[in-house]
Amino acid sequence: MMKLYYSPGACSLAPHIVAYEAGLEIEFDRVDLNTQTTASGGRFGKINPKGSVPALALQDGGVLTEVSAILEYLADRVPDRRLLPETGSMERYRVQEWVGFIGTELHKGFAPLWDSLMPDAARRLAVQYLQRRLSYLDSCLEGRSCLVGNEFTVADAYCFTILNWTRFHRIDLSKYVAVQAFMQDVSNRPMVRKAMKAEGLKHAA
């Protein structure tokens, strides 16, 4: 059986959601990123020398890392769930386009905000950078419930996970109406609720 190594609320929430949405039989092992130990008693550095989640232990004994790769791998295990469109289709490239945007523009955009030693001026610049990206995302989501087409995909799971960090950093989403609606719609999905509950996360109001 595969095993997903995660830390509550980290980007590993995205593959946690996708694993549930795909109906996969998978184990979950919580990682303490400070001590680099797992809930099962393992040393996470031996599992993933990068020291970051997510990491997916495969049935053949290998380990897959990086959230974008894990999302694609899990979705492709159960293609009939359509968490990724068909290989070679333009819709699939659009999903990959969004996953790339989320990873490079949103996910990494939050990086300075996690550093407690970051000067206030640098933090303000980081927030302003994110606000510009949120404005773009808001315009793309206007009149839509999903990033691509009308079906929930791995891009939506990843986007929801990263945008959930706005609550930790008190970034106001009130002026991003479409983004707020997207977050509410995704948070109401049963498998998203299940994943958040499993990680001890508060459901969006």
C-alpha atoms as a PDB file:
ATOM      1  CA  MET A   1       0.000   0.000   0.000  1.00  0.00           C
ATOM      2  CA  MET A   2       1.176   3.525  -0.768  1.00  0.00           C
ATOM      3  CA  LYS A   3       1.891   5.907   2.092  1.00  0.00           C
ATOM      4  CA  LEU A   4       1.607   9.685   1.989  1.00  0.00           C
ATOM      5  CA  TYR A   5       3.816  11.638   4.354  1.00  0.00           C
ATOM      6  CA  TYR A   6       2.176  14.937   5.261  1.00  0.00           C
ATOM      7  CA  SER A   7       2.234  17.819   7.692  1.00  0.00           C
ATOM      8  CA  PRO A   8      -1.088  19.402   8.741  1.00  0.00           C
ATOM      9  CA  GLY A   9      -2.047  22.319   6.541  1.00  0.00           C
ATOM     10  CA  ALA A  10       1.100  22.138   4.410  1.00  0.00           C
ATOM     11  CA  CYS A  11       1.001  21.730   0.646  1.00  0.00           C
ATOM     12  CA  SER A  12       0.681  17.989   1.302  1.00  0.00           C
ATOM     13  CA  LEU A  13      -3.005  18.660   1.992  1.00  0.00           C
ATOM     14  CA  ALA A  14      -3.502  18.778  -1.791  1.00  0.00           C
ATOM     15  CA  PRO A  15      -2.489  15.140  -2.443  1.00  0.00           C
ATOM     16  CA  HIS A  16      -4.319  14.165   0.759  1.00  0.00           C
ATOM     17  CA  ILE A  17      -7.501  15.581  -0.789  1.00  0.00           C
ATOM     18  CA  VAL A  18      -6.795  13.959  -4.166  1.00  0.00           C
ATOM     19  CA  ALA A  19      -6.176  10.568  -2.566  1.00  0.00           C
ATOM     20  CA  TYR A  20      -9.621  10.735  -0.943  1.00  0.00           C
ATOM     21  CA  GLU A  21     -11.275  12.090  -4.089  1.00  0.00           C
ATOM     22  CA  ALA A  22      -9.738   9.226  -6.085  1.00  0.00           C
ATOM     23  CA  GLY A  23     -10.894   6.631  -3.569  1.00  0.00           C
ATOM     24  CA  LEU A  24      -7.390   5.214  -3.226  1.00  0.00           C
ATOM     25  CA  GLU A  25      -6.366   2.862  -0.439  1.00  0.00           C
ATOM     26  CA  ILE A  26      -3.445   4.691   1.056  1.00  0.00           C
ATOM     27  CA  GLU A  27      -1.769   5.127   4.430  1.00  0.00           C
ATOM     28  CA  PHE A  28      -1.061   8.539   5.893  1.00  0.00           C
ATOM     29  CA  ASP A  29       1.887   9.311   8.153  1.00  0.00           C
ATOM     30  CA  ARG A  30       2.163  12.687   9.854  1.00  0.00           C
ATOM     31  CA  VAL A  31       5.550  14.393   9.790  1.00  0.00           C
ATOM     32  CA  ASP A  32       6.887  16.789  12.406  1.00  0.00           C
ATOM     33  CA  LEU A  33       8.926  19.089  10.182  1.00  0.00           C
ATOM     34  CA  ASN A  34      10.800  20.555  13.149  1.00  0.00           C
ATOM     35  CA  THR A  35      12.115  17.245  14.444  1.00  0.00           C
ATOM     36  CA  GLN A  36      12.004  15.487  11.052  1.00  0.00           C
ATOM     37  CA  THR A  37      10.280  12.495  12.593  1.00  0.00           C
ATOM     38  CA  THR A  38       7.102  10.693  11.581  1.00  0.00           C
ATOM     39  CA  ALA A  39       4.133   9.658  13.692  1.00  0.00           C
ATOM     40  CA  SER A  40       5.064   6.035  12.977  1.00  0.00           C
ATOM     41  CA  GLY A  41       8.485   6.592  14.528  1.00  0.00           C
ATOM     42  CA  GLY A  42      10.569   6.934  11.387  1.00  0.00           C
ATOM     43  CA  ARG A  43      13.271   9.442  10.492  1.00  0.00           C
ATOM     44  CA  PHE A  44      11.819  11.511   7.689  1.00  0.00           C
ATOM     45  CA  GLY A  45      15.240  12.528   6.386  1.00  0.00           C
ATOM     46  CA  LYS A  46      15.829   8.937   5.354  1.00  0.00           C
ATOM     47  CA  ILE A  47      12.531   8.873   3.469  1.00  0.00           C
ATOM     48  CA  ASN A  48      12.946  12.242   1.774  1.00  0.00           C
ATOM     49  CA  PRO A  49      16.410  13.799   2.103  1.00  0.00           C
ATOM     50  CA  LYS A  50      14.889  17.118   0.970  1.00  0.00           C
ATOM     51  CA  GLY A  51      13.160  17.225   4.357  1.00  0.00           C
ATOM     52  CA  SER A  52       9.895  18.552   2.953  1.00  0.00           C
ATOM     53  CA  VAL A  53       6.400  17.181   2.458  1.00  0.00           C
ATOM     54  CA  PRO A  54       4.697  15.698   0.606  1.00  0.00           C
ATOM     55  CA  ALA A  55       6.480  12.428  -0.018  1.00  0.00           C
ATOM     56  CA  LEU A  56       4.728   9.371  -1.382  1.00  0.00           C
ATOM     57  CA  ALA A  57       6.108   5.921  -0.622  1.00  0.00           C
ATOM     58  CA  LEU A  58       5.255   3.690  -3.569  1.00  0.00           C
ATOM     59  CA  GLN A  59       4.367   0.022  -3.629  1.00  0.00           C
ATOM     60  CA  ASP A  60       7.654  -0.850  -5.348  1.00  0.00           C
ATOM     61  CA  GLY A  61       9.663   0.678  -2.506  1.00  0.00           C
ATOM     62  CA  GLY A  62      10.452   3.946  -4.269  1.00  0.00           C
ATOM     63  CA  VAL A  63       9.562   7.408  -3.045  1.00  0.00           C
ATOM     64  CA  LEU A  64       8.003  10.171  -5.152  1.00  0.00           C
ATOM     65  CA  THR A  65       8.380  13.799  -4.057  1.00  0.00           C
ATOM     66  CA  GLU A  66       7.175  17.246  -5.193  1.00  0.00           C
ATOM     67  CA  VAL A  67       3.510  18.073  -4.944  1.00  0.00           C
ATOM     68  CA  SER A  68       2.889  18.493  -8.677  1.00  0.00           C
ATOM     69  CA  ALA A  69       4.315  15.055  -9.490  1.00  0.00           C
ATOM     70  CA  ILE A  70       2.416  13.355  -6.671  1.00  0.00           C
ATOM     71  CA  LEU A  71      -0.868  14.973  -7.690  1.00  0.00           C
ATOM     72  CA  GLU A  72      -0.463  13.717 -11.253  1.00  0.00           C
ATOM     73  CA  TYR A  73       0.595  10.253 -10.133  1.00  0.00           C
ATOM     74  CA  LEU A  74      -2.376   9.798  -7.791  1.00  0.00           C
ATOM     75  CA  ALA A  75      -4.901  11.124 -10.304  1.00  0.00           C
ATOM     76  CA  ASP A  76      -3.583   8.798 -13.005  1.00  0.00           C
ATOM     77  CA  ARG A  77      -4.136   5.756 -10.752  1.00  0.00           C
ATOM     78  CA  VAL A  78      -7.888   6.221 -11.135  1.00  0.00           C
ATOM     79  CA  PRO A  79      -8.514   7.938 -14.493  1.00  0.00           C
ATOM     80  CA  ASP A  80     -12.283   7.404 -14.363  1.00  0.00           C
ATOM     81  CA  ARG A  81     -12.473   9.919 -11.481  1.00  0.00           C
ATOM     82  CA  ARG A  82     -11.321  12.571 -13.971  1.00  0.00           C
ATOM     83  CA  LEU A  83      -9.119  14.411 -11.508  1.00  0.00           C
ATOM     84  CA  LEU A  84      -6.900  14.926 -14.540  1.00  0.00           C
ATOM     85  CA  PRO A  85      -8.225  15.150 -18.099  1.00  0.00           C
ATOM     86  CA  GLU A  86      -7.125  12.643 -20.717  1.00  0.00           C
ATOM     87  CA  THR A  87      -3.434  12.547 -21.620  1.00  0.00           C
ATOM     88  CA  GLY A  88      -2.726  14.677 -24.677  1.00  0.00           C
ATOM     89  CA  SER A  89      -5.915  16.720 -24.389  1.00  0.00           C
ATOM     90  CA  MET A  90      -5.836  20.508 -24.253  1.00  0.00           C
ATOM     91  CA  GLU A  91      -7.790  20.337 -20.991  1.00  0.00           C
ATOM     92  CA  ARG A  92      -4.946  18.386 -19.382  1.00  0.00           C
ATOM     93  CA  TYR A  93      -2.418  20.972 -20.512  1.00  0.00           C
ATOM     94  CA  ARG A  94      -4.658  23.667 -19.011  1.00  0.00           C
ATOM     95  CA  VAL A  95      -4.677  21.829 -15.679  1.00  0.00           C
ATOM     96  CA  GLN A  96      -0.889  21.541 -15.830  1.00  0.00           C
ATOM     97  CA  GLU A  97      -0.708  25.237 -16.676  1.00  0.00           C
ATOM     98  CA  TRP A  98      -2.647  26.056 -13.521  1.00  0.00           C
ATOM     99  CA  VAL A  99      -0.585  23.686 -11.381  1.00  0.00           C
ATOM    100  CA  GLY A 100       2.518  25.474 -12.646  1.00  0.00           C
ATOM    101  CA  PHE A 101       1.051  28.890 -11.846  1.00  0.00           C
ATOM    102  CA  ILE A 102      -0.033  27.816  -8.376  1.00  0.00           C
ATOM    103  CA  GLY A 103       3.370  26.319  -7.625  1.00  0.00           C
ATOM    104  CA  THR A 104       5.523  29.168  -8.864  1.00  0.00           C
ATOM    105  CA  GLU A 105       3.347  32.223  -8.261  1.00  0.00           C
ATOM    106  CA  LEU A 106       1.206  31.362  -5.223  1.00  0.00           C
ATOM    107  CA  HIS A 107       2.954  28.551  -3.356  1.00  0.00           C
ATOM    108  CA  LYS A 108       6.406  30.140  -3.558  1.00  0.00           C
ATOM    109  CA  GLY A 109       4.874  33.568  -3.103  1.00  0.00           C
ATOM    110  CA  PHE A 110       4.006  32.650   0.471  1.00  0.00           C
ATOM    111  CA  ALA A 111       7.564  31.562   1.294  1.00  0.00           C
ATOM    112  CA  PRO A 112       8.727  34.897   2.802  1.00  0.00           C
ATOM    113  CA  LEU A 113       5.691  35.018   5.090  1.00  0.00           C
ATOM    114  CA  TRP A 114       6.702  31.839   6.932  1.00  0.00           C
ATOM    115  CA  ASP A 115      10.035  33.362   7.973  1.00  0.00           C
ATOM    116  CA  SER A 116       9.662  35.024  11.365  1.00  0.00           C
ATOM    117  CA  LEU A 117      12.900  36.964  10.798  1.00  0.00           C
ATOM    118  CA  MET A 118      11.690  38.551   7.575  1.00  0.00           C
ATOM    119  CA  PRO A 119      11.710  42.402   7.881  1.00  0.00           C
ATOM    120  CA  ASP A 120       8.299  44.067   7.865  1.00  0.00           C
ATOM    121  CA  ALA A 121       9.020  45.875   4.605  1.00  0.00           C
ATOM    122  CA  ALA A 122       9.861  42.603   2.868  1.00  0.00           C
ATOM    123  CA  ARG A 123       6.703  41.012   4.219  1.00  0.00           C
ATOM    124  CA  ARG A 124       4.596  43.891   2.878  1.00  0.00           C
ATOM    125  CA  LEU A 125       6.176  43.453  -0.549  1.00  0.00           C
ATOM    126  CA  ALA A 126       5.447  39.723  -0.432  1.00  0.00           C
ATOM    127  CA  VAL A 127       1.792  40.390   0.411  1.00  0.00           C
ATOM    128  CA  GLN A 128       1.526  42.929  -2.408  1.00  0.00           C
ATOM    129  CA  TYR A 129       2.973  40.346  -4.804  1.00  0.00           C
ATOM    130  CA  LEU A 130       0.380  37.811  -3.703  1.00  0.00           C
ATOM    131  CA  GLN A 131      -2.421  40.355  -4.004  1.00  0.00           C
ATOM    132  CA  ARG A 132      -1.561  40.921  -7.662  1.00  0.00           C
ATOM    133  CA  ARG A 133      -1.677  37.177  -8.278  1.00  0.00           C
ATOM    134  CA  LEU A 134      -4.967  36.921  -6.389  1.00  0.00           C
ATOM    135  CA  SER A 135      -6.462  39.635  -8.589  1.00  0.00           C
ATOM    136  CA  TYR A 136      -5.532  37.631 -11.675  1.00  0.00           C
ATOM    137  CA  LEU A 137      -6.924  34.428 -10.173  1.00  0.00           C
ATOM    138  CA  ASP A 138     -10.127  36.213  -9.216  1.00  0.00           C
ATOM    139  CA  SER A 139     -10.664  37.394 -12.784  1.00  0.00           C
ATOM    140  CA  CYS A 140     -10.153  33.844 -14.091  1.00  0.00           C
ATOM    141  CA  LEU A 141     -12.592  32.340 -11.598  1.00  0.00           C
ATOM    142  CA  GLU A 142     -15.388  34.819 -12.278  1.00  0.00           C
ATOM    143  CA  GLY A 143     -18.496  32.829 -13.141  1.00  0.00           C
ATOM    144  CA  ARG A 144     -16.671  29.529 -12.625  1.00  0.00           C
ATOM    145  CA  SER A 145     -16.557  26.932  -9.848  1.00  0.00           C
ATOM    146  CA  CYS A 146     -13.426  25.158 -11.140  1.00  0.00           C
ATOM    147  CA  LEU A 147     -10.186  26.302 -12.716  1.00  0.00           C
ATOM    148  CA  VAL A 148     -10.577  24.138 -15.834  1.00  0.00           C
ATOM    149  CA  GLY A 149     -13.894  23.072 -17.313  1.00  0.00           C
ATOM    150  CA  ASN A 150     -16.717  22.071 -15.002  1.00  0.00           C
ATOM    151  CA  GLU A 151     -15.039  19.266 -13.070  1.00  0.00           C
ATOM    152  CA  PHE A 152     -12.893  19.337  -9.930  1.00  0.00           C
ATOM    153  CA  THR A 153      -9.258  18.536 -10.748  1.00  0.00           C
ATOM    154  CA  VAL A 154      -5.905  18.339  -8.999  1.00  0.00           C
ATOM    155  CA  ALA A 155      -5.420  22.034  -9.818  1.00  0.00           C
ATOM    156  CA  ASP A 156      -8.430  22.926  -7.679  1.00  0.00           C
ATOM    157  CA  ALA A 157      -7.153  20.814  -4.775  1.00  0.00           C
ATOM    158  CA  TYR A 158      -3.742  22.491  -4.978  1.00  0.00           C
ATOM    159  CA  CYS A 159      -5.181  25.996  -5.327  1.00  0.00           C
ATOM    160  CA  PHE A 160      -7.496  25.520  -2.356  1.00  0.00           C
ATOM    161  CA  THR A 161      -4.630  24.214  -0.227  1.00  0.00           C
ATOM    162  CA  ILE A 162      -2.358  27.171  -0.916  1.00  0.00           C
ATOM    163  CA  LEU A 163      -5.096  29.801  -0.622  1.00  0.00           C
ATOM    164  CA  ASN A 164      -6.031  28.337   2.743  1.00  0.00           C
ATOM    165  CA  TRP A 165      -2.743  29.811   3.974  1.00  0.00           C
ATOM    166  CA  THR A 166      -4.263  33.292   3.698  1.00  0.00           C
ATOM    167  CA  ARG A 167      -6.011  32.527   6.980  1.00  0.00           C
ATOM    168  CA  PHE A 168      -2.702  31.835   8.741  1.00  0.00           C
ATOM    169  CA  HIS A 169      -1.221  35.086   7.467  1.00  0.00           C
ATOM    170  CA  ARG A 170      -4.384  37.190   7.800  1.00  0.00           C
ATOM    171  CA  ILE A 171      -4.551  38.139   4.144  1.00  0.00           C
ATOM    172  CA  ASP A 172      -7.993  39.580   3.485  1.00  0.00           C
ATOM    173  CA  LEU A 173      -9.834  37.906   0.610  1.00  0.00           C
ATOM    174  CA  SER A 174     -12.985  40.021   0.883  1.00  0.00           C
ATOM    175  CA  LYS A 175     -12.325  41.949  -2.330  1.00  0.00           C
ATOM    176  CA  TYR A 176     -11.766  38.741  -4.287  1.00  0.00           C
ATOM    177  CA  VAL A 177     -15.372  37.647  -4.613  1.00  0.00           C
ATOM    178  CA  ALA A 178     -14.797  34.835  -7.094  1.00  0.00           C
ATOM    179  CA  VAL A 179     -11.883  33.481  -5.062  1.00  0.00           C
ATOM    180  CA  GLN A 180     -14.026  33.470  -1.925  1.00  0.00           C
ATOM    181  CA  ALA A 181     -16.791  31.585  -3.728  1.00  0.00           C
ATOM    182  CA  PHE A 182     -14.257  29.074  -5.039  1.00  0.00           C
ATOM    183  CA  MET A 183     -12.858  28.477  -1.554  1.00  0.00           C
ATOM    184  CA  GLN A 184     -16.332  27.962  -0.123  1.00  0.00           C
ATOM    185  CA  ASP A 185     -17.349  25.559  -2.882  1.00  0.00           C
ATOM    186  CA  VAL A 186     -14.205  23.456  -2.525  1.00  0.00           C
ATOM    187  CA  SER A 187     -14.330  23.433   1.268  1.00  0.00           C
ATOM    188  CA  ASN A 188     -17.865  22.013   1.088  1.00  0.00           C
ATOM    189  CA  ARG A 189     -16.759  18.940  -0.871  1.00  0.00           C
ATOM    190  CA  PRO A 190     -17.110  15.849   1.370  1.00  0.00           C
ATOM    191  CA  MET A 191     -13.606  14.555   0.606  1.00  0.00           C
ATOM    192  CA  VAL A 192     -12.078  17.965   1.276  1.00  0.00           C
ATOM    193  CA  ARG A 193     -13.859  18.071   4.620  1.00  0.00           C
ATOM    194  CA  LYS A 194     -12.584  14.569   5.346  1.00  0.00           C
ATOM    195  CA  ALA A 195      -8.978  15.482   4.564  1.00  0.00           C
ATOM    196  CA  MET A 196      -9.134  18.660   6.637  1.00  0.00           C
ATOM    197  CA  LYS A 197     -10.636  16.807   9.565  1.00  0.00           C
ATOM    198  CA  ALA A 198      -7.953  14.135   9.328  1.00  0.00           C
ATOM    199  CA  GLU A 199      -5.292  16.859   9.537  1.00  0.00           C
ATOM    200  CA  GLY A 200      -7.024  18.654  12.393  1.00  0.00           C
ATOM    201  CA  LEU A 201      -7.774  21.724  10.304  1.00  0.00           C
ATOM    202  CA  LYS A 202     -10.665  24.081  10.832  1.00  0.00           C
ATOM    203  CA  HIS A 203     -13.286  24.086   8.104  1.00  0.00           C
ATOM    204  CA  ALA A 204     -13.880  27.424   6.422  1.00  0.00           C
ATOM    205  CA  ALA A 205     -16.845  29.330   7.823  1.00  0.00           C
END
